[in-house]
């Protein structure tokens, strides 16, 4: 897997690293936005229980205004994930085809006994699927790790405020 990652991310100054950074920043922003929305939801419920119509209307307008950036951010995360998958796929396909065409390997593979049909097409399809899964895996692992770390920091901060030492 490390060898594949080195192929997909050729250097620290590559487009793939920039996409990873943008994607990570988007995931971090969504985490903080989720925390803000959860806090706002709690305040809205509090005003419903108090039957304070003015505060409820103010908080609901705030909630509706935050819904637009939240929707944009979710779309941005999906977009960056697909761009990341495309960048990974481009790197992998380039590397695989360089290996495939080196020393006329394509001729040797295409003249086998017919068990492998359309090797070049199969290679591209498999790399496309793999790159998409890698990009999705990054999102699926990064977001929960960030959420758990935020919870740990919050719990630690709250315990320190209550007088606990660790």
N, C-alpha and C. Protein backbone atom coordinates (compact mmCIF):
# COMPACT_ATOMS: atom_id res chain seq x y z
N UNK A 1 0.83 -1.20 0.00
CA UNK A 1 0.00 0.00 0.00
C UNK A 1 0.87 1.26 0.00
N UNK A 2 1.97 1.20 0.71
CA UNK A 2 2.87 2.37 0.76
C UNK A 2 3.41 2.68 -0.62
N UNK A 3 3.73 1.63 -1.37
CA UNK A 3 4.23 1.85 -2.73
C UNK A 3 3.15 2.50 -3.61
N UNK A 4 1.91 2.08 -3.44
CA UNK A 4 0.82 2.68 -4.21
C UNK A 4 0.59 4.14 -3.81
N UNK A 5 0.70 4.43 -2.52
CA UNK A 5 0.54 5.82 -2.06
C UNK A 5 1.65 6.69 -2.65
N UNK A 6 2.85 6.15 -2.71
CA UNK A 6 3.95 6.91 -3.31
C UNK A 6 3.73 7.17 -4.79
N UNK A 7 3.05 6.26 -5.45
CA UNK A 7 2.72 6.47 -6.87
C UNK A 7 1.62 7.51 -6.99
N UNK A 8 0.60 7.41 -6.13
CA UNK A 8 -0.54 8.34 -6.20
C UNK A 8 -0.17 9.75 -5.77
N UNK A 9 0.77 9.86 -4.82
CA UNK A 9 1.22 11.16 -4.34
C UNK A 9 2.72 11.23 -4.60
N UNK A 10 3.11 11.72 -5.78
CA UNK A 10 4.53 11.67 -6.17
C UNK A 10 5.45 12.56 -5.36
N UNK A 11 4.97 13.70 -4.87
CA UNK A 11 5.83 14.60 -4.08
C UNK A 11 4.95 15.47 -3.18
N UNK A 12 5.60 16.14 -2.25
CA UNK A 12 4.86 17.03 -1.35
C UNK A 12 4.40 18.30 -2.06
N UNK A 13 5.01 18.60 -3.19
CA UNK A 13 4.64 19.79 -3.94
C UNK A 13 3.75 19.44 -5.13
N UNK A 14 2.95 18.39 -4.98
CA UNK A 14 2.10 17.95 -6.09
C UNK A 14 0.67 18.44 -5.92
N UNK A 15 -0.08 18.31 -6.99
CA UNK A 15 -1.49 18.70 -7.00
C UNK A 15 -2.29 17.83 -6.04
N UNK A 16 -1.88 16.58 -5.89
CA UNK A 16 -2.59 15.65 -5.01
C UNK A 16 -2.50 16.09 -3.55
N UNK A 17 -1.35 16.59 -3.15
CA UNK A 17 -1.19 17.08 -1.77
C UNK A 17 -2.07 18.30 -1.54
N UNK A 18 -2.12 19.19 -2.52
CA UNK A 18 -2.99 20.37 -2.41
C UNK A 18 -4.45 19.94 -2.27
N UNK A 19 -4.87 18.96 -3.06
CA UNK A 19 -6.24 18.47 -2.95
C UNK A 19 -6.49 17.82 -1.58
N UNK A 20 -5.51 17.08 -1.08
CA UNK A 20 -5.65 16.47 0.25
C UNK A 20 -5.77 17.54 1.34
N UNK A 21 -4.98 18.59 1.22
CA UNK A 21 -5.05 19.68 2.22
C UNK A 21 -6.41 20.38 2.15
N UNK A 22 -6.87 20.70 0.94
CA UNK A 22 -8.17 21.34 0.79
C UNK A 22 -9.29 20.45 1.32
N UNK A 23 -9.18 19.17 1.03
CA UNK A 23 -10.20 18.22 1.50
C UNK A 23 -10.19 18.13 3.02
N UNK A 24 -9.01 18.10 3.61
CA UNK A 24 -8.90 18.04 5.07
C UNK A 24 -9.45 19.30 5.72
N UNK A 25 -9.14 20.45 5.15
CA UNK A 25 -9.67 21.72 5.67
C UNK A 25 -11.20 21.73 5.58
N UNK A 26 -11.73 21.21 4.49
CA UNK A 26 -13.18 21.13 4.35
C UNK A 26 -13.80 20.21 5.40
N UNK A 27 -13.15 19.08 5.66
CA UNK A 27 -13.66 18.17 6.68
C UNK A 27 -13.60 18.80 8.07
N UNK A 28 -12.52 19.52 8.35
CA UNK A 28 -12.40 20.22 9.64
C UNK A 28 -13.48 21.29 9.76
N UNK A 29 -13.70 22.03 8.68
CA UNK A 29 -14.73 23.07 8.70
C UNK A 29 -16.11 22.46 8.93
N UNK A 30 -16.36 21.31 8.31
CA UNK A 30 -17.66 20.67 8.50
C UNK A 30 -17.83 20.21 9.94
N UNK A 31 -16.76 19.76 10.57
CA UNK A 31 -16.85 19.35 11.98
C UNK A 31 -17.23 20.53 12.86
N UNK A 32 -16.54 21.67 12.67
CA UNK A 32 -16.88 22.85 13.49
C UNK A 32 -18.27 23.38 13.16
N UNK A 33 -18.66 23.29 11.91
CA UNK A 33 -20.00 23.72 11.53
C UNK A 33 -21.06 22.80 12.16
N UNK A 34 -20.77 21.51 12.21
CA UNK A 34 -21.69 20.57 12.85
C UNK A 34 -21.84 20.87 14.33
N UNK A 35 -20.74 21.20 14.98
CA UNK A 35 -20.79 21.56 16.40
C UNK A 35 -21.63 22.81 16.60
N UNK A 36 -21.43 23.80 15.73
CA UNK A 36 -22.19 25.05 15.82
C UNK A 36 -23.69 24.79 15.61
N UNK A 37 -24.02 23.97 14.62
CA UNK A 37 -25.43 23.67 14.33
C UNK A 37 -26.06 22.90 15.49
N UNK A 38 -25.31 21.96 16.09
CA UNK A 38 -25.83 21.21 17.23
C UNK A 38 -26.10 22.15 18.41
N UNK A 39 -25.20 23.09 18.63
CA UNK A 39 -25.40 24.08 19.69
C UNK A 39 -26.62 24.95 19.40
N UNK A 40 -26.74 25.35 18.15
CA UNK A 40 -27.88 26.18 17.74
C UNK A 40 -29.19 25.41 17.89
N UNK A 41 -29.18 24.12 17.54
CA UNK A 41 -30.38 23.29 17.72
C UNK A 41 -30.80 23.24 19.19
N UNK A 42 -29.80 23.11 20.07
CA UNK A 42 -30.11 23.09 21.50
C UNK A 42 -30.73 24.40 21.97
N UNK A 43 -30.22 25.52 21.46
CA UNK A 43 -30.78 26.82 21.82
C UNK A 43 -32.20 26.99 21.28
N UNK A 44 -32.45 26.46 20.07
CA UNK A 44 -33.80 26.55 19.49
C UNK A 44 -34.78 25.77 20.36
N UNK A 45 -34.41 24.57 20.76
CA UNK A 45 -35.29 23.76 21.61
C UNK A 45 -35.52 24.45 22.95
N UNK A 46 -34.48 25.08 23.47
CA UNK A 46 -34.60 25.80 24.74
C UNK A 46 -35.63 26.93 24.62
N UNK A 47 -35.62 27.64 23.51
CA UNK A 47 -36.57 28.74 23.31
C UNK A 47 -37.98 28.22 23.07
N UNK A 48 -38.08 27.03 22.47
CA UNK A 48 -39.42 26.42 22.30
C UNK A 48 -40.01 26.09 23.66
N UNK A 49 -39.19 25.51 24.54
CA UNK A 49 -39.65 25.15 25.87
C UNK A 49 -40.03 26.40 26.66
N UNK A 50 -39.25 27.47 26.51
CA UNK A 50 -39.54 28.74 27.20
C UNK A 50 -40.71 29.50 26.57
N UNK A 51 -41.08 29.12 25.37
CA UNK A 51 -42.15 29.78 24.59
C UNK A 51 -41.81 31.24 24.29
N UNK A 52 -40.54 31.47 24.02
CA UNK A 52 -40.06 32.80 23.66
C UNK A 52 -40.04 32.90 22.14
N UNK A 53 -41.10 33.44 21.57
CA UNK A 53 -41.27 33.49 20.13
C UNK A 53 -40.22 34.36 19.45
N UNK A 54 -39.86 35.47 20.06
CA UNK A 54 -38.89 36.38 19.47
C UNK A 54 -37.50 35.72 19.35
N UNK A 55 -37.02 35.13 20.44
CA UNK A 55 -35.73 34.44 20.42
C UNK A 55 -35.76 33.24 19.48
N UNK A 56 -36.92 32.53 19.48
CA UNK A 56 -37.06 31.38 18.59
C UNK A 56 -36.93 31.82 17.13
N UNK A 57 -37.59 32.91 16.76
CA UNK A 57 -37.53 33.41 15.38
C UNK A 57 -36.10 33.85 15.03
N UNK A 58 -35.44 34.49 15.97
CA UNK A 58 -34.06 34.93 15.73
C UNK A 58 -33.14 33.73 15.52
N UNK A 59 -33.28 32.73 16.37
CA UNK A 59 -32.43 31.55 16.24
C UNK A 59 -32.75 30.74 14.98
N UNK A 60 -34.01 30.69 14.61
CA UNK A 60 -34.38 29.97 13.38
C UNK A 60 -33.85 30.68 12.14
N UNK A 61 -33.85 32.01 12.16
CA UNK A 61 -33.28 32.72 11.02
C UNK A 61 -31.77 32.49 10.95
N UNK A 62 -31.12 32.43 12.11
CA UNK A 62 -29.70 32.10 12.15
C UNK A 62 -29.45 30.70 11.61
N UNK A 63 -30.32 29.77 12.00
CA UNK A 63 -30.19 28.39 11.55
C UNK A 63 -30.37 28.30 10.04
N UNK A 64 -31.33 29.01 9.51
CA UNK A 64 -31.55 29.00 8.06
C UNK A 64 -30.40 29.64 7.30
N UNK A 65 -29.80 30.69 7.88
CA UNK A 65 -28.65 31.32 7.24
C UNK A 65 -27.42 30.42 7.24
N UNK A 66 -27.26 29.60 8.25
CA UNK A 66 -26.11 28.70 8.31
C UNK A 66 -26.32 27.48 7.41
N UNK A 67 -27.56 27.22 7.02
CA UNK A 67 -27.85 26.06 6.17
C UNK A 67 -27.22 26.21 4.78
N UNK A 68 -27.12 27.43 4.27
CA UNK A 68 -26.54 27.65 2.94
C UNK A 68 -25.05 27.30 2.92
N UNK A 69 -24.23 27.83 3.83
CA UNK A 69 -22.82 27.40 3.82
C UNK A 69 -22.65 25.91 4.12
N UNK A 70 -23.52 25.35 4.95
CA UNK A 70 -23.41 23.93 5.28
C UNK A 70 -23.66 23.08 4.04
N UNK A 71 -24.65 23.44 3.25
CA UNK A 71 -24.93 22.72 2.01
C UNK A 71 -23.78 22.86 1.03
N UNK A 72 -23.25 24.07 0.91
CA UNK A 72 -22.11 24.30 0.03
C UNK A 72 -20.90 23.48 0.48
N UNK A 73 -20.67 23.42 1.77
CA UNK A 73 -19.53 22.69 2.30
C UNK A 73 -19.65 21.19 2.04
N UNK A 74 -20.83 20.63 2.21
CA UNK A 74 -21.03 19.22 1.92
C UNK A 74 -20.81 18.92 0.45
N UNK A 75 -21.28 19.80 -0.42
CA UNK A 75 -21.05 19.62 -1.85
C UNK A 75 -19.57 19.76 -2.18
N UNK A 76 -18.89 20.69 -1.53
CA UNK A 76 -17.46 20.88 -1.75
C UNK A 76 -16.67 19.63 -1.34
N UNK A 77 -17.06 19.01 -0.26
CA UNK A 77 -16.38 17.79 0.20
C UNK A 77 -16.53 16.68 -0.84
N UNK A 78 -17.74 16.49 -1.36
CA UNK A 78 -17.95 15.47 -2.39
C UNK A 78 -17.18 15.80 -3.65
N UNK A 79 -17.15 17.08 -4.03
CA UNK A 79 -16.42 17.51 -5.22
C UNK A 79 -14.92 17.25 -5.06
N UNK A 80 -14.37 17.65 -3.91
CA UNK A 80 -12.94 17.44 -3.67
C UNK A 80 -12.59 15.96 -3.61
N UNK A 81 -13.50 15.16 -3.09
CA UNK A 81 -13.26 13.72 -3.07
C UNK A 81 -13.19 13.15 -4.48
N UNK A 82 -14.07 13.61 -5.36
CA UNK A 82 -14.03 13.13 -6.75
C UNK A 82 -12.80 13.66 -7.49
N UNK A 83 -12.39 14.90 -7.20
CA UNK A 83 -11.15 15.43 -7.80
C UNK A 83 -9.93 14.66 -7.30
N UNK A 84 -9.94 14.30 -6.04
CA UNK A 84 -8.87 13.51 -5.47
C UNK A 84 -8.80 12.13 -6.12
N UNK A 85 -9.96 11.51 -6.30
CA UNK A 85 -10.00 10.21 -6.97
C UNK A 85 -9.47 10.32 -8.40
N UNK A 86 -9.82 11.39 -9.09
CA UNK A 86 -9.34 11.60 -10.46
C UNK A 86 -7.83 11.80 -10.49
N UNK A 87 -7.30 12.56 -9.54
CA UNK A 87 -5.85 12.78 -9.48
C UNK A 87 -5.11 11.48 -9.17
N UNK A 88 -5.64 10.70 -8.22
CA UNK A 88 -5.03 9.41 -7.91
C UNK A 88 -5.07 8.49 -9.13
N UNK A 89 -6.22 8.46 -9.79
CA UNK A 89 -6.38 7.61 -10.97
C UNK A 89 -5.40 8.00 -12.06
N UNK A 90 -5.23 9.29 -12.29
CA UNK A 90 -4.31 9.74 -13.33
C UNK A 90 -2.89 9.27 -13.05
N UNK A 91 -2.46 9.40 -11.80
CA UNK A 91 -1.11 8.96 -11.44
C UNK A 91 -0.95 7.44 -11.60
N UNK A 92 -1.95 6.69 -11.14
CA UNK A 92 -1.88 5.24 -11.22
C UNK A 92 -1.91 4.74 -12.66
N UNK A 93 -2.78 5.32 -13.47
CA UNK A 93 -2.89 4.90 -14.87
C UNK A 93 -1.59 5.21 -15.61
N UNK A 94 -1.03 6.37 -15.37
CA UNK A 94 0.23 6.73 -16.03
C UNK A 94 1.33 5.74 -15.66
N UNK A 95 1.43 5.43 -14.37
CA UNK A 95 2.45 4.48 -13.92
C UNK A 95 2.20 3.08 -14.50
N UNK A 96 0.95 2.63 -14.45
CA UNK A 96 0.63 1.28 -14.92
C UNK A 96 0.87 1.15 -16.42
N UNK A 97 0.50 2.16 -17.18
CA UNK A 97 0.73 2.07 -18.62
C UNK A 97 2.20 2.19 -18.97
N UNK A 98 2.95 2.93 -18.20
CA UNK A 98 4.41 2.94 -18.42
C UNK A 98 4.99 1.54 -18.20
N UNK A 99 4.50 0.86 -17.17
CA UNK A 99 4.96 -0.51 -16.92
C UNK A 99 4.45 -1.47 -17.99
N UNK A 100 3.21 -1.28 -18.41
CA UNK A 100 2.56 -2.17 -19.36
C UNK A 100 3.21 -2.09 -20.74
N UNK A 101 3.59 -0.91 -21.17
CA UNK A 101 4.18 -0.75 -22.49
C UNK A 101 5.70 -0.89 -22.51
N UNK A 102 6.30 -1.03 -21.33
CA UNK A 102 7.75 -1.17 -21.23
C UNK A 102 8.16 -2.55 -21.77
N UNK A 103 9.14 -2.58 -22.64
CA UNK A 103 9.65 -3.81 -23.25
C UNK A 103 8.56 -4.63 -23.94
N UNK A 104 7.58 -3.96 -24.50
CA UNK A 104 6.51 -4.59 -25.27
C UNK A 104 5.74 -5.65 -24.46
N UNK A 105 5.48 -5.36 -23.20
CA UNK A 105 4.71 -6.27 -22.36
C UNK A 105 3.32 -6.46 -22.93
N UNK A 106 2.75 -5.40 -23.50
CA UNK A 106 1.39 -5.48 -24.05
C UNK A 106 1.30 -6.57 -25.10
N UNK A 107 2.37 -6.77 -25.89
CA UNK A 107 2.37 -7.80 -26.93
C UNK A 107 2.37 -9.19 -26.30
N UNK A 108 3.15 -9.36 -25.27
CA UNK A 108 3.22 -10.66 -24.59
C UNK A 108 1.90 -11.01 -23.93
N UNK A 109 1.27 -10.04 -23.29
CA UNK A 109 0.00 -10.29 -22.60
C UNK A 109 -1.12 -10.53 -23.60
N UNK A 110 -1.15 -9.79 -24.68
CA UNK A 110 -2.24 -9.94 -25.64
C UNK A 110 -2.15 -11.23 -26.44
N UNK A 111 -1.00 -11.89 -26.46
CA UNK A 111 -0.85 -13.14 -27.20
C UNK A 111 -0.94 -14.37 -26.31
N UNK A 112 -1.45 -14.23 -25.11
CA UNK A 112 -1.67 -15.39 -24.26
C UNK A 112 -2.82 -16.21 -24.84
N UNK A 113 -3.23 -17.22 -24.16
CA UNK A 113 -4.22 -18.14 -24.71
C UNK A 113 -5.67 -17.65 -24.62
N UNK A 114 -5.88 -16.40 -24.43
CA UNK A 114 -7.24 -15.84 -24.46
C UNK A 114 -7.90 -15.72 -23.11
N UNK A 115 -7.22 -16.08 -22.05
CA UNK A 115 -7.84 -15.96 -20.72
C UNK A 115 -8.01 -14.51 -20.31
N UNK A 116 -7.14 -13.64 -20.78
CA UNK A 116 -7.24 -12.22 -20.46
C UNK A 116 -7.66 -11.45 -21.70
N UNK A 117 -8.89 -10.98 -21.69
CA UNK A 117 -9.36 -10.18 -22.81
C UNK A 117 -9.40 -8.72 -22.40
N UNK A 118 -9.05 -7.86 -23.32
CA UNK A 118 -9.06 -6.41 -23.08
C UNK A 118 -8.27 -6.05 -21.81
N UNK A 119 -7.03 -6.46 -21.77
CA UNK A 119 -6.21 -6.23 -20.58
C UNK A 119 -6.08 -4.75 -20.28
N UNK A 120 -5.86 -3.94 -21.30
CA UNK A 120 -5.71 -2.51 -21.06
C UNK A 120 -6.99 -1.90 -20.51
N UNK A 121 -8.14 -2.34 -20.98
CA UNK A 121 -9.42 -1.83 -20.47
C UNK A 121 -9.65 -2.29 -19.04
N UNK A 122 -9.34 -3.53 -18.75
CA UNK A 122 -9.50 -4.05 -17.39
C UNK A 122 -8.58 -3.33 -16.42
N UNK A 123 -7.37 -3.05 -16.87
CA UNK A 123 -6.41 -2.33 -16.04
C UNK A 123 -6.94 -0.95 -15.69
N UNK A 124 -7.47 -0.25 -16.66
CA UNK A 124 -8.01 1.10 -16.42
C UNK A 124 -9.21 1.05 -15.49
N UNK A 125 -10.12 0.09 -15.71
CA UNK A 125 -11.30 -0.02 -14.83
C UNK A 125 -10.91 -0.33 -13.39
N UNK A 126 -9.98 -1.24 -13.22
CA UNK A 126 -9.55 -1.60 -11.86
C UNK A 126 -8.88 -0.42 -11.16
N UNK A 127 -8.07 0.32 -11.90
CA UNK A 127 -7.40 1.47 -11.29
C UNK A 127 -8.40 2.58 -10.96
N UNK A 128 -9.41 2.76 -11.81
CA UNK A 128 -10.45 3.75 -11.53
C UNK A 128 -11.19 3.41 -10.24
N UNK A 129 -11.56 2.15 -10.11
CA UNK A 129 -12.25 1.71 -8.90
C UNK A 129 -11.38 1.86 -7.66
N UNK A 130 -10.12 1.45 -7.78
CA UNK A 130 -9.20 1.55 -6.65
C UNK A 130 -8.98 3.00 -6.22
N UNK A 131 -8.78 3.89 -7.18
CA UNK A 131 -8.55 5.30 -6.86
C UNK A 131 -9.78 5.91 -6.18
N UNK A 132 -10.96 5.57 -6.66
CA UNK A 132 -12.18 6.07 -6.03
C UNK A 132 -12.32 5.59 -4.60
N UNK A 133 -11.99 4.31 -4.38
CA UNK A 133 -12.06 3.77 -3.02
C UNK A 133 -11.02 4.41 -2.10
N UNK A 134 -9.84 4.70 -2.63
CA UNK A 134 -8.80 5.35 -1.82
C UNK A 134 -9.24 6.75 -1.38
N UNK A 135 -9.81 7.50 -2.31
CA UNK A 135 -10.28 8.86 -1.98
C UNK A 135 -11.41 8.80 -0.97
N UNK A 136 -12.32 7.86 -1.14
CA UNK A 136 -13.44 7.73 -0.20
C UNK A 136 -12.95 7.23 1.16
N UNK A 137 -11.96 6.35 1.15
CA UNK A 137 -11.40 5.85 2.40
C UNK A 137 -10.77 6.99 3.20
N UNK A 138 -10.10 7.91 2.51
CA UNK A 138 -9.50 9.05 3.20
C UNK A 138 -10.58 9.85 3.93
N UNK A 139 -11.69 10.12 3.25
CA UNK A 139 -12.79 10.85 3.89
C UNK A 139 -13.37 10.06 5.04
N UNK A 140 -13.57 8.78 4.82
CA UNK A 140 -14.22 7.94 5.83
C UNK A 140 -13.38 7.74 7.07
N UNK A 141 -12.07 7.85 6.95
CA UNK A 141 -11.20 7.68 8.11
C UNK A 141 -10.90 9.03 8.77
N UNK A 142 -10.68 10.06 7.97
CA UNK A 142 -10.29 11.36 8.51
C UNK A 142 -11.40 11.99 9.34
N UNK A 143 -12.62 11.98 8.87
CA UNK A 143 -13.73 12.62 9.58
C UNK A 143 -13.97 12.00 10.96
N UNK A 144 -14.08 10.67 11.09
CA UNK A 144 -14.26 10.12 12.44
C UNK A 144 -13.07 10.37 13.36
N UNK A 145 -11.86 10.29 12.83
CA UNK A 145 -10.69 10.58 13.67
C UNK A 145 -10.71 12.01 14.18
N UNK A 146 -11.10 12.94 13.31
CA UNK A 146 -11.21 14.33 13.72
C UNK A 146 -12.30 14.51 14.78
N UNK A 147 -13.43 13.84 14.58
CA UNK A 147 -14.52 13.94 15.55
C UNK A 147 -14.10 13.39 16.91
N UNK A 148 -13.43 12.25 16.91
CA UNK A 148 -12.98 11.66 18.18
C UNK A 148 -11.96 12.56 18.86
N UNK A 149 -11.04 13.13 18.09
CA UNK A 149 -10.05 14.01 18.70
C UNK A 149 -10.71 15.27 19.26
N UNK A 150 -11.71 15.81 18.57
CA UNK A 150 -12.43 16.98 19.09
C UNK A 150 -13.16 16.65 20.39
N UNK A 151 -13.75 15.46 20.44
CA UNK A 151 -14.45 15.04 21.66
C UNK A 151 -13.45 14.89 22.81
N UNK A 152 -12.30 14.30 22.53
CA UNK A 152 -11.29 14.13 23.58
C UNK A 152 -10.78 15.48 24.09
N UNK A 153 -10.53 16.41 23.19
CA UNK A 153 -10.07 17.74 23.61
C UNK A 153 -11.15 18.43 24.43
N UNK A 154 -12.40 18.33 24.00
CA UNK A 154 -13.51 18.95 24.74
C UNK A 154 -13.66 18.33 26.12
N UNK A 155 -13.60 17.00 26.19
CA UNK A 155 -13.72 16.34 27.49
C UNK A 155 -12.56 16.72 28.41
N UNK A 156 -11.36 16.79 27.85
CA UNK A 156 -10.21 17.17 28.65
C UNK A 156 -10.37 18.60 29.17
N UNK A 157 -10.80 19.51 28.31
CA UNK A 157 -10.99 20.91 28.70
C UNK A 157 -12.07 21.03 29.78
N UNK A 158 -13.17 20.29 29.59
CA UNK A 158 -14.25 20.35 30.58
C UNK A 158 -13.80 19.75 31.91
N UNK A 159 -13.04 18.67 31.87
CA UNK A 159 -12.58 18.07 33.13
C UNK A 159 -11.61 18.99 33.85
N UNK A 160 -10.77 19.72 33.12
CA UNK A 160 -9.86 20.68 33.74
C UNK A 160 -10.63 21.83 34.39
N UNK A 161 -11.71 22.25 33.73
CA UNK A 161 -12.53 23.34 34.28
C UNK A 161 -13.23 22.89 35.56
N UNK A 162 -13.52 21.60 35.66
CA UNK A 162 -14.21 21.09 36.85
C UNK A 162 -13.25 20.71 37.96
N UNK A 163 -11.94 20.89 37.73
CA UNK A 163 -10.97 20.66 38.78
C UNK A 163 -10.24 19.32 38.69
N UNK A 164 -10.49 18.56 37.66
CA UNK A 164 -9.79 17.29 37.50
C UNK A 164 -8.40 17.53 36.91
N UNK A 165 -7.49 16.62 37.15
CA UNK A 165 -6.13 16.78 36.64
C UNK A 165 -5.73 15.61 35.76
N UNK A 166 -6.48 15.38 34.68
CA UNK A 166 -6.06 14.34 33.75
C UNK A 166 -6.96 13.21 33.61
